C-alpha atoms as a PDB file:
ATOM      1  CA  UNK A   1       5.204   4.910 -16.545  1.00  0.00           C
ATOM      2  CA  UNK A   2       5.121   8.707 -16.129  1.00  0.00           C
ATOM      3  CA  UNK A   3       1.536   9.060 -17.420  1.00  0.00           C
ATOM      4  CA  UNK A   4       0.193   7.028 -14.459  1.00  0.00           C
ATOM      5  CA  UNK A   5      -1.776   9.158 -11.913  1.00  0.00           C
ATOM      6  CA  UNK A   6      -2.967   7.432  -8.790  1.00  0.00           C
ATOM      7  CA  UNK A   7      -5.647  10.091  -8.532  1.00  0.00           C
ATOM      8  CA  UNK A   8      -7.959   8.094 -10.936  1.00  0.00           C
ATOM      9  CA  UNK A   9      -7.993   5.062  -8.592  1.00  0.00           C
ATOM     10  CA  UNK A  10      -7.693   6.733  -4.977  1.00  0.00           C
ATOM     11  CA  UNK A  11      -9.694   4.883  -2.382  1.00  0.00           C
ATOM     12  CA  UNK A  12     -10.680   1.878  -4.553  1.00  0.00           C
ATOM     13  CA  UNK A  13     -10.841  -1.697  -3.196  1.00  0.00           C
ATOM     14  CA  UNK A  14      -7.111  -2.121  -3.711  1.00  0.00           C
ATOM     15  CA  UNK A  15      -6.283   0.857  -1.762  1.00  0.00           C
ATOM     16  CA  UNK A  16      -8.435  -0.341   1.116  1.00  0.00           C
ATOM     17  CA  UNK A  17      -6.472  -3.636   1.312  1.00  0.00           C
ATOM     18  CA  UNK A  18      -3.094  -2.020   0.792  1.00  0.00           C
ATOM     19  CA  UNK A  19      -3.679   0.750   3.459  1.00  0.00           C
ATOM     20  CA  UNK A  20      -5.398  -1.386   6.073  1.00  0.00           C
ATOM     21  CA  UNK A  21      -2.245  -3.536   6.065  1.00  0.00           C
ATOM     22  CA  UNK A  22       0.094  -0.588   6.084  1.00  0.00           C
ATOM     23  CA  UNK A  23      -1.680   0.679   9.087  1.00  0.00           C
ATOM     24  CA  UNK A  24      -1.354  -2.606  10.836  1.00  0.00           C
ATOM     25  CA  UNK A  25       2.352  -2.907  10.106  1.00  0.00           C
ATOM     26  CA  UNK A  26       2.976   0.654  11.411  1.00  0.00           C
ATOM     27  CA  UNK A  27       1.028  -0.027  14.584  1.00  0.00           C
ATOM     28  CA  UNK A  28       3.349  -3.082  15.274  1.00  0.00           C
ATOM     29  CA  UNK A  29       6.437  -0.969  14.816  1.00  0.00           C
ATOM     30  CA  UNK A  30       5.055   1.495  17.181  1.00  0.00           C
ATOM     31  CA  UNK A  31       5.082  -1.149  20.067  1.00  0.00           C
ATOM     32  CA  UNK A  32       8.701  -0.598  20.659  1.00  0.00           C
ATOM     33  CA  UNK A  33      10.185   2.766  21.679  1.00  0.00           C
ATOM     34  CA  UNK A  34      13.078   2.454  19.143  1.00  0.00           C
ATOM     35  CA  UNK A  35      12.681   4.661  16.082  1.00  0.00           C
ATOM     36  CA  UNK A  36      11.826   3.110  12.649  1.00  0.00           C
ATOM     37  CA  UNK A  37      11.782   4.461   9.061  1.00  0.00           C
ATOM     38  CA  UNK A  38       8.883   4.148   6.589  1.00  0.00           C
ATOM     39  CA  UNK A  39      10.137   4.229   3.046  1.00  0.00           C
ATOM     40  CA  UNK A  40       7.670   4.494   0.045  1.00  0.00           C
ATOM     41  CA  UNK A  41       9.115   3.871  -3.434  1.00  0.00           C
ATOM     42  CA  UNK A  42       6.201   5.102  -5.373  1.00  0.00           C
ATOM     43  CA  UNK A  43       4.562   7.654  -3.118  1.00  0.00           C
ATOM     44  CA  UNK A  44       2.303   9.426  -5.506  1.00  0.00           C
ATOM     45  CA  UNK A  45       0.740  12.801  -4.512  1.00  0.00           C
ATOM     46  CA  UNK A  46       0.317  12.101  -0.763  1.00  0.00           C
ATOM     47  CA  UNK A  47      -3.538  12.795  -0.660  1.00  0.00           C
ATOM     48  CA  UNK A  48      -6.421  13.070  -3.163  1.00  0.00           C
ATOM     49  CA  UNK A  49      -9.630  15.231  -3.695  1.00  0.00           C
ATOM     50  CA  UNK A  50     -12.236  12.806  -4.469  1.00  0.00           C
ATOM     51  CA  UNK A  51     -14.244  15.422  -6.115  1.00  0.00           C
ATOM     52  CA  UNK A  52     -11.588  16.431  -8.487  1.00  0.00           C
ATOM     53  CA  UNK A  53     -11.629  15.610 -12.219  1.00  0.00           C
ATOM     54  CA  UNK A  54      -9.473  12.753 -11.960  1.00  0.00           C
ATOM     55  CA  UNK A  55     -10.919  10.867  -8.999  1.00  0.00           C
ATOM     56  CA  UNK A  56     -14.539  11.520 -10.148  1.00  0.00           C
ATOM     57  CA  UNK A  57     -14.058  10.388 -13.789  1.00  0.00           C
ATOM     58  CA  UNK A  58     -13.936   6.803 -12.756  1.00  0.00           C
ATOM     59  CA  UNK A  59     -15.407   7.070  -9.054  1.00  0.00           C
ATOM     60  CA  UNK A  60     -13.594   3.967  -8.044  1.00  0.00           C
ATOM     61  CA  UNK A  61     -13.653   5.110  -4.331  1.00  0.00           C
ATOM     62  CA  UNK A  62     -17.466   4.455  -4.338  1.00  0.00           C
ATOM     63  CA  UNK A  63     -16.810   0.708  -4.332  1.00  0.00           C
ATOM     64  CA  UNK A  64     -13.825   0.971  -1.898  1.00  0.00           C
ATOM     65  CA  UNK A  65     -13.695   3.299   1.030  1.00  0.00           C
ATOM     66  CA  UNK A  66     -17.186   4.565   0.041  1.00  0.00           C
ATOM     67  CA  UNK A  67     -18.765   1.250   0.933  1.00  0.00           C
ATOM     68  CA  UNK A  68     -17.077   1.338   4.447  1.00  0.00           C
ATOM     69  CA  UNK A  69     -17.736   4.952   5.153  1.00  0.00           C
ATOM     70  CA  UNK A  70     -21.117   4.783   6.944  1.00  0.00           C
ATOM     71  CA  UNK A  71     -21.080   1.211   8.189  1.00  0.00           C
ATOM     72  CA  UNK A  72     -21.447   0.883  11.954  1.00  0.00           C
ATOM     73  CA  UNK A  73     -20.089  -2.840  12.084  1.00  0.00           C
ATOM     74  CA  UNK A  74     -16.442  -2.371  11.099  1.00  0.00           C
ATOM     75  CA  UNK A  75     -13.978  -4.957  12.556  1.00  0.00           C
ATOM     76  CA  UNK A  76     -11.164  -3.345  14.555  1.00  0.00           C
ATOM     77  CA  UNK A  77      -8.617  -3.213  11.848  1.00  0.00           C
ATOM     78  CA  UNK A  78     -10.883  -1.708   9.413  1.00  0.00           C
ATOM     79  CA  UNK A  79     -12.157   0.758  11.873  1.00  0.00           C
ATOM     80  CA  UNK A  80      -8.606   1.860  12.630  1.00  0.00           C
ATOM     81  CA  UNK A  81      -7.927   2.346   8.950  1.00  0.00           C
ATOM     82  CA  UNK A  82     -11.268   4.185   8.363  1.00  0.00           C
ATOM     83  CA  UNK A  83     -10.664   6.356  11.375  1.00  0.00           C
ATOM     84  CA  UNK A  84      -7.510   7.591   9.869  1.00  0.00           C
ATOM     85  CA  UNK A  85      -9.402   8.579   6.680  1.00  0.00           C
ATOM     86  CA  UNK A  86     -12.031  10.345   8.696  1.00  0.00           C
ATOM     87  CA  UNK A  87      -9.326  12.467  10.179  1.00  0.00           C
ATOM     88  CA  UNK A  88      -8.843  13.879   6.784  1.00  0.00           C
ATOM     89  CA  UNK A  89     -12.539  14.589   6.417  1.00  0.00           C
ATOM     90  CA  UNK A  90     -13.377  16.304   9.795  1.00  0.00           C
ATOM     91  CA  UNK A  91     -16.867  17.387   8.537  1.00  0.00           C
ATOM     92  CA  UNK A  92     -17.985  13.679   8.159  1.00  0.00           C
ATOM     93  CA  UNK A  93     -18.223  13.927   4.397  1.00  0.00           C
ATOM     94  CA  UNK A  94     -15.968  11.853   2.264  1.00  0.00           C
ATOM     95  CA  UNK A  95     -14.201  14.383   0.058  1.00  0.00           C
ATOM     96  CA  UNK A  96     -10.478  13.518   0.478  1.00  0.00           C
ATOM     97  CA  UNK A  97      -8.485  10.323   0.621  1.00  0.00           C
ATOM     98  CA  UNK A  98      -5.171   9.795   2.045  1.00  0.00           C
ATOM     99  CA  UNK A  99      -2.307   8.193   0.146  1.00  0.00           C
ATOM    100  CA  UNK A 100       0.093   5.858   1.726  1.00  0.00           C
ATOM    101  CA  UNK A 101       2.625   8.496   2.815  1.00  0.00           C
ATOM    102  CA  UNK A 102      -0.058  10.486   4.601  1.00  0.00           C
ATOM    103  CA  UNK A 103      -1.393   7.562   6.608  1.00  0.00           C
ATOM    104  CA  UNK A 104       2.156   6.592   7.605  1.00  0.00           C
ATOM    105  CA  UNK A 105       2.942  10.133   8.665  1.00  0.00           C
ATOM    106  CA  UNK A 106      -0.153  10.282  10.896  1.00  0.00           C
ATOM    107  CA  UNK A 107       1.108   7.098  12.539  1.00  0.00           C
ATOM    108  CA  UNK A 108       4.645   7.994  13.101  1.00  0.00           C
ATOM    109  CA  UNK A 109       6.096   9.415  16.332  1.00  0.00           C
ATOM    110  CA  UNK A 110       8.625  12.148  16.579  1.00  0.00           C
ATOM    111  CA  UNK A 111      11.581   9.759  16.529  1.00  0.00           C
ATOM    112  CA  UNK A 112      10.491   8.108  13.405  1.00  0.00           C
ATOM    113  CA  UNK A 113      11.103   9.178   9.663  1.00  0.00           C
ATOM    114  CA  UNK A 114       9.405   9.002   6.315  1.00  0.00           C
ATOM    115  CA  UNK A 115      11.556   8.686   3.230  1.00  0.00           C
ATOM    116  CA  UNK A 116       9.409   9.158  -0.003  1.00  0.00           C
ATOM    117  CA  UNK A 117      10.278   8.751  -3.724  1.00  0.00           C
ATOM    118  CA  UNK A 118       8.095   9.702  -6.618  1.00  0.00           C
ATOM    119  CA  UNK A 119       9.224  10.149 -10.272  1.00  0.00           C
ATOM    120  CA  UNK A 120       6.107  11.883 -11.691  1.00  0.00           C
ATOM    121  CA  UNK A 121       6.707  15.454 -12.039  1.00  0.00           C
ATOM    122  CA  UNK A 122       3.282  16.708 -11.168  1.00  0.00           C
ATOM    123  CA  UNK A 123       2.714  14.252  -8.413  1.00  0.00           C
ATOM    124  CA  UNK A 124       6.051  14.938  -6.727  1.00  0.00           C
ATOM    125  CA  UNK A 125       5.238  18.580  -6.555  1.00  0.00           C
ATOM    126  CA  UNK A 126       1.898  17.891  -4.881  1.00  0.00           C
ATOM    127  CA  UNK A 127       3.743  15.326  -2.451  1.00  0.00           C
ATOM    128  CA  UNK A 128       6.209  17.904  -1.431  1.00  0.00           C
ATOM    129  CA  UNK A 129       3.561  20.492  -0.957  1.00  0.00           C
ATOM    130  CA  UNK A 130       1.468  18.003   1.181  1.00  0.00           C
ATOM    131  CA  UNK A 131       4.486  17.710   3.587  1.00  0.00           C
ATOM    132  CA  UNK A 132       5.570  21.320   3.484  1.00  0.00           C
ATOM    133  CA  UNK A 133       6.404  22.196   7.028  1.00  0.00           C
ATOM    134  CA  UNK A 134       7.002  18.605   8.147  1.00  0.00           C
ATOM    135  CA  UNK A 135      10.781  19.362   8.779  1.00  0.00           C
ATOM    136  CA  UNK A 136      13.400  16.797   8.767  1.00  0.00           C
ATOM    137  CA  UNK A 137      10.849  13.951   9.661  1.00  0.00           C
ATOM    138  CA  UNK A 138       9.821  13.707   6.042  1.00  0.00           C
ATOM    139  CA  UNK A 139      12.007  13.735   2.847  1.00  0.00           C
ATOM    140  CA  UNK A 140       9.967  13.694  -0.412  1.00  0.00           C
ATOM    141  CA  UNK A 141      12.428  13.166  -3.406  1.00  0.00           C
ATOM    142  CA  UNK A 142      11.920  13.326  -7.228  1.00  0.00           C
ATOM    143  CA  UNK A 143      13.658  10.077  -7.979  1.00  0.00           C
ATOM    144  CA  UNK A 144      13.125   6.584  -9.044  1.00  0.00           C
ATOM    145  CA  UNK A 145      11.813   4.497  -6.181  1.00  0.00           C
ATOM    146  CA  UNK A 146      14.151   1.569  -6.693  1.00  0.00           C
ATOM    147  CA  UNK A 147      17.208   3.784  -7.047  1.00  0.00           C
ATOM    148  CA  UNK A 148      16.067   5.610  -3.937  1.00  0.00           C
ATOM    149  CA  UNK A 149      15.703   2.307  -1.977  1.00  0.00           C
ATOM    150  CA  UNK A 150      19.366   1.514  -2.614  1.00  0.00           C
ATOM    151  CA  UNK A 151      20.301   5.022  -1.280  1.00  0.00           C
ATOM    152  CA  UNK A 152      18.470   4.610   2.079  1.00  0.00           C
ATOM    153  CA  UNK A 153      19.052   0.955   2.921  1.00  0.00           C
ATOM    154  CA  UNK A 154      20.100  -0.026   5.528  1.00  0.00           C
ATOM    155  CA  UNK A 155      18.451   2.766   7.636  1.00  0.00           C
ATOM    156  CA  UNK A 156      20.264   4.138  10.639  1.00  0.00           C
ATOM    157  CA  UNK A 157      17.939   2.780  13.275  1.00  0.00           C
ATOM    158  CA  UNK A 158      17.987  -0.643  11.529  1.00  0.00           C
ATOM    159  CA  UNK A 159      14.095  -0.818  11.717  1.00  0.00           C
ATOM    160  CA  UNK A 160      12.095   0.008   8.669  1.00  0.00           C
ATOM    161  CA  UNK A 161       8.954  -0.652   6.638  1.00  0.00           C
ATOM    162  CA  UNK A 162       9.155  -0.420   3.032  1.00  0.00           C
ATOM    163  CA  UNK A 163       6.172  -0.007   0.584  1.00  0.00           C
ATOM    164  CA  UNK A 164       6.618  -1.003  -2.956  1.00  0.00           C
ATOM    165  CA  UNK A 165       3.756  -0.363  -5.288  1.00  0.00           C
ATOM    166  CA  UNK A 166       4.526   0.763  -8.811  1.00  0.00           C
ATOM    167  CA  UNK A 167       1.857   1.215 -11.344  1.00  0.00           C
ATOM    168  CA  UNK A 168       2.586  -1.974 -13.244  1.00  0.00           C
ATOM    169  CA  UNK A 169       1.686  -0.376 -16.402  1.00  0.00           C
ATOM    170  CA  UNK A 170       5.076  -1.530 -17.905  1.00  0.00           C
ATOM    171  CA  UNK A 171       6.004  -5.168 -18.129  1.00  0.00           C
ATOM    172  CA  UNK A 172       9.364  -4.248 -16.701  1.00  0.00           C
ATOM    173  CA  UNK A 173       7.762  -3.196 -13.405  1.00  0.00           C
ATOM    174  CA  UNK A 174       7.352  -6.735 -12.393  1.00  0.00           C
ATOM    175  CA  UNK A 175      10.945  -7.430 -12.996  1.00  0.00           C
ATOM    176  CA  UNK A 176      11.976  -4.282 -11.253  1.00  0.00           C
ATOM    177  CA  UNK A 177       9.993  -5.319  -8.300  1.00  0.00           C
ATOM    178  CA  UNK A 178      11.698  -8.585  -7.847  1.00  0.00           C
ATOM    179  CA  UNK A 179      15.301  -7.163  -8.682  1.00  0.00           C
ATOM    180  CA  UNK A 180      14.733  -4.411  -6.384  1.00  0.00           C
ATOM    181  CA  UNK A 181      13.714  -6.770  -3.478  1.00  0.00           C
ATOM    182  CA  UNK A 182      16.658  -9.069  -4.208  1.00  0.00           C
ATOM    183  CA  UNK A 183      19.140  -6.148  -3.827  1.00  0.00           C
ATOM    184  CA  UNK A 184      17.194  -4.639  -0.850  1.00  0.00           C
ATOM    185  CA  UNK A 185      17.435  -7.929   1.021  1.00  0.00           C
ATOM    186  CA  UNK A 186      21.072  -8.084   0.450  1.00  0.00           C
ATOM    187  CA  UNK A 187      21.445  -4.683   2.033  1.00  0.00           C
ATOM    188  CA  UNK A 188      18.798  -5.031   4.791  1.00  0.00           C
ATOM    189  CA  UNK A 189      17.735  -8.601   5.273  1.00  0.00           C
ATOM    190  CA  UNK A 190      15.650  -7.935   8.476  1.00  0.00           C
ATOM    191  CA  UNK A 191      13.527  -5.040   7.048  1.00  0.00           C
ATOM    192  CA  UNK A 192       9.719  -5.465   6.456  1.00  0.00           C
ATOM    193  CA  UNK A 193       8.847  -5.055   2.852  1.00  0.00           C
ATOM    194  CA  UNK A 194       5.198  -4.742   1.641  1.00  0.00           C
ATOM    195  CA  UNK A 195       4.743  -5.216  -2.141  1.00  0.00           C
ATOM    196  CA  UNK A 196       1.273  -4.360  -3.570  1.00  0.00           C
ATOM    197  CA  UNK A 197       0.280  -5.763  -7.078  1.00  0.00           C
ATOM    198  CA  UNK A 198      -2.954  -5.734  -9.057  1.00  0.00           C
ATOM    199  CA  UNK A 199      -4.622  -8.902  -9.966  1.00  0.00           C
ATOM    200  CA  UNK A 200      -4.847  -8.705 -13.916  1.00  0.00           C
ATOM    201  CA  UNK A 201      -5.154 -11.418 -16.724  1.00  0.00           C
ATOM    202  CA  UNK A 202      -1.595 -10.713 -17.613  1.00  0.00           C
ATOM    203  CA  UNK A 203       0.824 -13.659 -16.922  1.00  0.00           C
ATOM    204  CA  UNK A 204       3.301 -11.266 -15.350  1.00  0.00           C
ATOM    205  CA  UNK A 205       0.600 -10.370 -12.581  1.00  0.00           C
ATOM    206  CA  UNK A 206      -0.251 -14.119 -12.022  1.00  0.00           C
ATOM    207  CA  UNK A 207       3.373 -15.099 -11.797  1.00  0.00           C
ATOM    208  CA  UNK A 208       4.555 -12.356  -9.532  1.00  0.00           C
ATOM    209  CA  UNK A 209       3.546 -14.111  -6.198  1.00  0.00           C
ATOM    210  CA  UNK A 210       5.511 -17.200  -6.906  1.00  0.00           C
ATOM    211  CA  UNK A 211       8.553 -15.297  -7.985  1.00  0.00           C
ATOM    212  CA  UNK A 212       8.471 -13.347  -4.710  1.00  0.00           C
ATOM    213  CA  UNK A 213       8.151 -16.583  -2.849  1.00  0.00           C
ATOM    214  CA  UNK A 214      11.377 -17.693  -4.458  1.00  0.00           C
ATOM    215  CA  UNK A 215      13.272 -14.765  -2.928  1.00  0.00           C
ATOM    216  CA  UNK A 216      15.695 -15.488  -0.250  1.00  0.00           C
ATOM    217  CA  UNK A 217      13.394 -14.637   2.675  1.00  0.00           C
ATOM    218  CA  UNK A 218      12.332 -17.063   5.227  1.00  0.00           C
ATOM    219  CA  UNK A 219       9.121 -15.288   6.429  1.00  0.00           C
ATOM    220  CA  UNK A 220       6.456 -13.973   4.296  1.00  0.00           C
ATOM    221  CA  UNK A 221       2.796 -13.377   4.202  1.00  0.00           C
ATOM    222  CA  UNK A 222       0.569 -13.223   1.002  1.00  0.00           C
ATOM    223  CA  UNK A 223      -2.923 -11.803   1.059  1.00  0.00           C
ATOM    224  CA  UNK A 224      -5.245 -11.310  -1.879  1.00  0.00           C
ATOM    225  CA  UNK A 225      -8.657  -9.551  -2.079  1.00  0.00           C
ATOM    226  CA  UNK A 226     -10.639 -10.486  -5.338  1.00  0.00           C
ATOM    227  CA  UNK A 227     -13.850  -8.311  -5.656  1.00  0.00           C
ATOM    228  CA  UNK A 228     -15.091 -10.321  -8.705  1.00  0.00           C
ATOM    229  CA  UNK A 229     -14.065 -13.096 -11.213  1.00  0.00           C
ATOM    230  CA  UNK A 230     -11.379 -12.242 -13.894  1.00  0.00           C
ATOM    231  CA  UNK A 231     -13.098 -10.426 -16.701  1.00  0.00           C
ATOM    232  CA  UNK A 232     -13.855 -12.562 -19.773  1.00  0.00           C
ATOM    233  CA  UNK A 233     -12.356  -9.983 -22.121  1.00  0.00           C
ATOM    234  CA  UNK A 234      -9.168 -10.172 -20.419  1.00  0.00           C
ATOM    235  CA  UNK A 235      -8.857  -6.476 -19.335  1.00  0.00           C
ATOM    236  CA  UNK A 236      -9.236  -4.721 -16.030  1.00  0.00           C
ATOM    237  CA  UNK A 237      -8.270  -5.307 -12.353  1.00  0.00           C
ATOM    238  CA  UNK A 238     -10.522  -7.593 -10.519  1.00  0.00           C
ATOM    239  CA  UNK A 239      -8.565  -7.729  -7.273  1.00  0.00           C
ATOM    240  CA  UNK A 240      -5.120  -7.199  -5.685  1.00  0.00           C
ATOM    241  CA  UNK A 241      -2.570  -8.664  -3.492  1.00  0.00           C
ATOM    242  CA  UNK A 242      -0.099  -7.760  -0.786  1.00  0.00           C
ATOM    243  CA  UNK A 243       3.129  -9.778  -0.353  1.00  0.00           C
ATOM    244  CA  UNK A 244       4.807  -8.969   2.908  1.00  0.00           C
ATOM    245  CA  UNK A 245       8.421 -10.160   3.782  1.00  0.00           C
ATOM    246  CA  UNK A 246       9.303 -10.235   7.519  1.00  0.00           C
ATOM    247  CA  UNK A 247       5.688  -9.454   8.455  1.00  0.00           C
ATOM    248  CA  UNK A 248       4.686  -8.664  12.013  1.00  0.00           C
ATOM    249  CA  UNK A 249       3.819 -11.874  13.845  1.00  0.00           C
ATOM    250  CA  UNK A 250       0.276 -10.551  14.618  1.00  0.00           C
ATOM    251  CA  UNK A 251      -0.664  -9.669  11.005  1.00  0.00           C
ATOM    252  CA  UNK A 252      -1.754 -13.137   9.821  1.00  0.00           C
ATOM    253  CA  UNK A 253      -4.287 -13.477  12.662  1.00  0.00           C
ATOM    254  CA  UNK A 254      -5.611  -9.975  12.100  1.00  0.00           C
ATOM    255  CA  UNK A 255      -6.117 -10.599   8.398  1.00  0.00           C
ATOM    256  CA  UNK A 256      -7.734 -14.064   9.154  1.00  0.00           C
ATOM    257  CA  UNK A 257     -10.243 -12.222  11.207  1.00  0.00           C
ATOM    258  CA  UNK A 258     -10.722  -9.307   8.736  1.00  0.00           C
ATOM    259  CA  UNK A 259     -10.527 -10.514   5.147  1.00  0.00           C
ATOM    260  CA  UNK A 260     -13.786 -12.599   5.181  1.00  0.00           C
ATOM    261  CA  UNK A 261     -15.681  -9.398   6.356  1.00  0.00           C
ATOM    262  CA  UNK A 262     -13.967  -7.360   3.901  1.00  0.00           C
ATOM    263  CA  UNK A 263     -14.520  -9.635   1.059  1.00  0.00           C
ATOM    264  CA  UNK A 264     -18.309  -9.613   1.783  1.00  0.00           C
ATOM    265  CA  UNK A 265     -18.386  -5.698   2.122  1.00  0.00           C
ATOM    266  CA  UNK A 266     -16.384  -5.068  -1.004  1.00  0.00           C
ATOM    267  CA  UNK A 267     -17.282  -8.036  -3.276  1.00  0.00           C
ATOM    268  CA  UNK A 268     -18.911  -6.793  -6.443  1.00  0.00           C
ATOM    269  CA  UNK A 269     -20.173 -10.125  -7.544  1.00  0.00           C
ATOM    270  CA  UNK A 270     -20.410 -13.867  -6.637  1.00  0.00           C
ATOM    271  CA  UNK A 271     -16.808 -14.452  -7.476  1.00  0.00           C
ATOM    272  CA  UNK A 272     -15.458 -12.317  -4.734  1.00  0.00           C
ATOM    273  CA  UNK A 273     -13.013 -14.139  -2.534  1.00  0.00           C
ATOM    274  CA  UNK A 274      -9.850 -13.731  -0.481  1.00  0.00           C
ATOM    275  CA  UNK A 275      -6.675 -15.817   0.104  1.00  0.00           C
ATOM    276  CA  UNK A 276      -4.121 -15.913   2.919  1.00  0.00           C
ATOM    277  CA  UNK A 277      -0.984 -17.929   2.996  1.00  0.00           C
ATOM    278  CA  UNK A 278       2.249 -17.738   4.859  1.00  0.00           C
ATOM    279  CA  UNK A 279       5.718 -19.147   5.451  1.00  0.00           C
ATOM    280  CA  UNK A 280       7.622 -18.726   8.631  1.00  0.00           C
ATOM    281  CA  UNK A 281      10.486 -20.262  10.657  1.00  0.00           C
END
């Protein structure tokens, strides 16, 4: 939906899970000299001012990145992610939060490429401004992310990570995710696809993981982080999940070590929990 602005939610617990995993996947791709592409179907504005009217209205970052900012006991994967956020806040005060494209850009090497898609007219202008001067390495396009995905797959280097994280404000978003992945796997079966989704009381949200498991992909990893119980009134996001197709073989062990700590750090009530499941050859 074109009314959605991620600035209201930047740096919350869902961003922590999503971006921690994004960083780990990019780190894995870096282990080989061969170039790779990072593709973001719903790129947002690129980076966010946490003191802006949008971000400060809800202040969700305080129970996300804000809880990690001053902790001295961060596990390695969490520390890696937090260090990248610190790079955007060189004075040590948490004023800015990087979106997924900015994090990926900071991890890319000269031979790698970013291909970013955003449909919201205001956010795409901010996104293009954020990467002004990046040259050919970054292409930020005002377009529907699922249509854009068709245009760039398969990527020339045959190595790519794709992040898919629509707003899920529309029921059709859930169908679009599944259909988009089905088409993407036909075009580029060996790509790594990371799908973020919110944990909501809606049946579409609860059913999405099983629908993704039914896709023609042999290898997948599914991680969730719930910061509390589902709300009794049936409204509101109480956690989020990441479903990764063709994940790095190292990711499951990293999350097994990290998610218990992260659940304790970000949990907002006694119902906080995580899950981790996988399927492989």
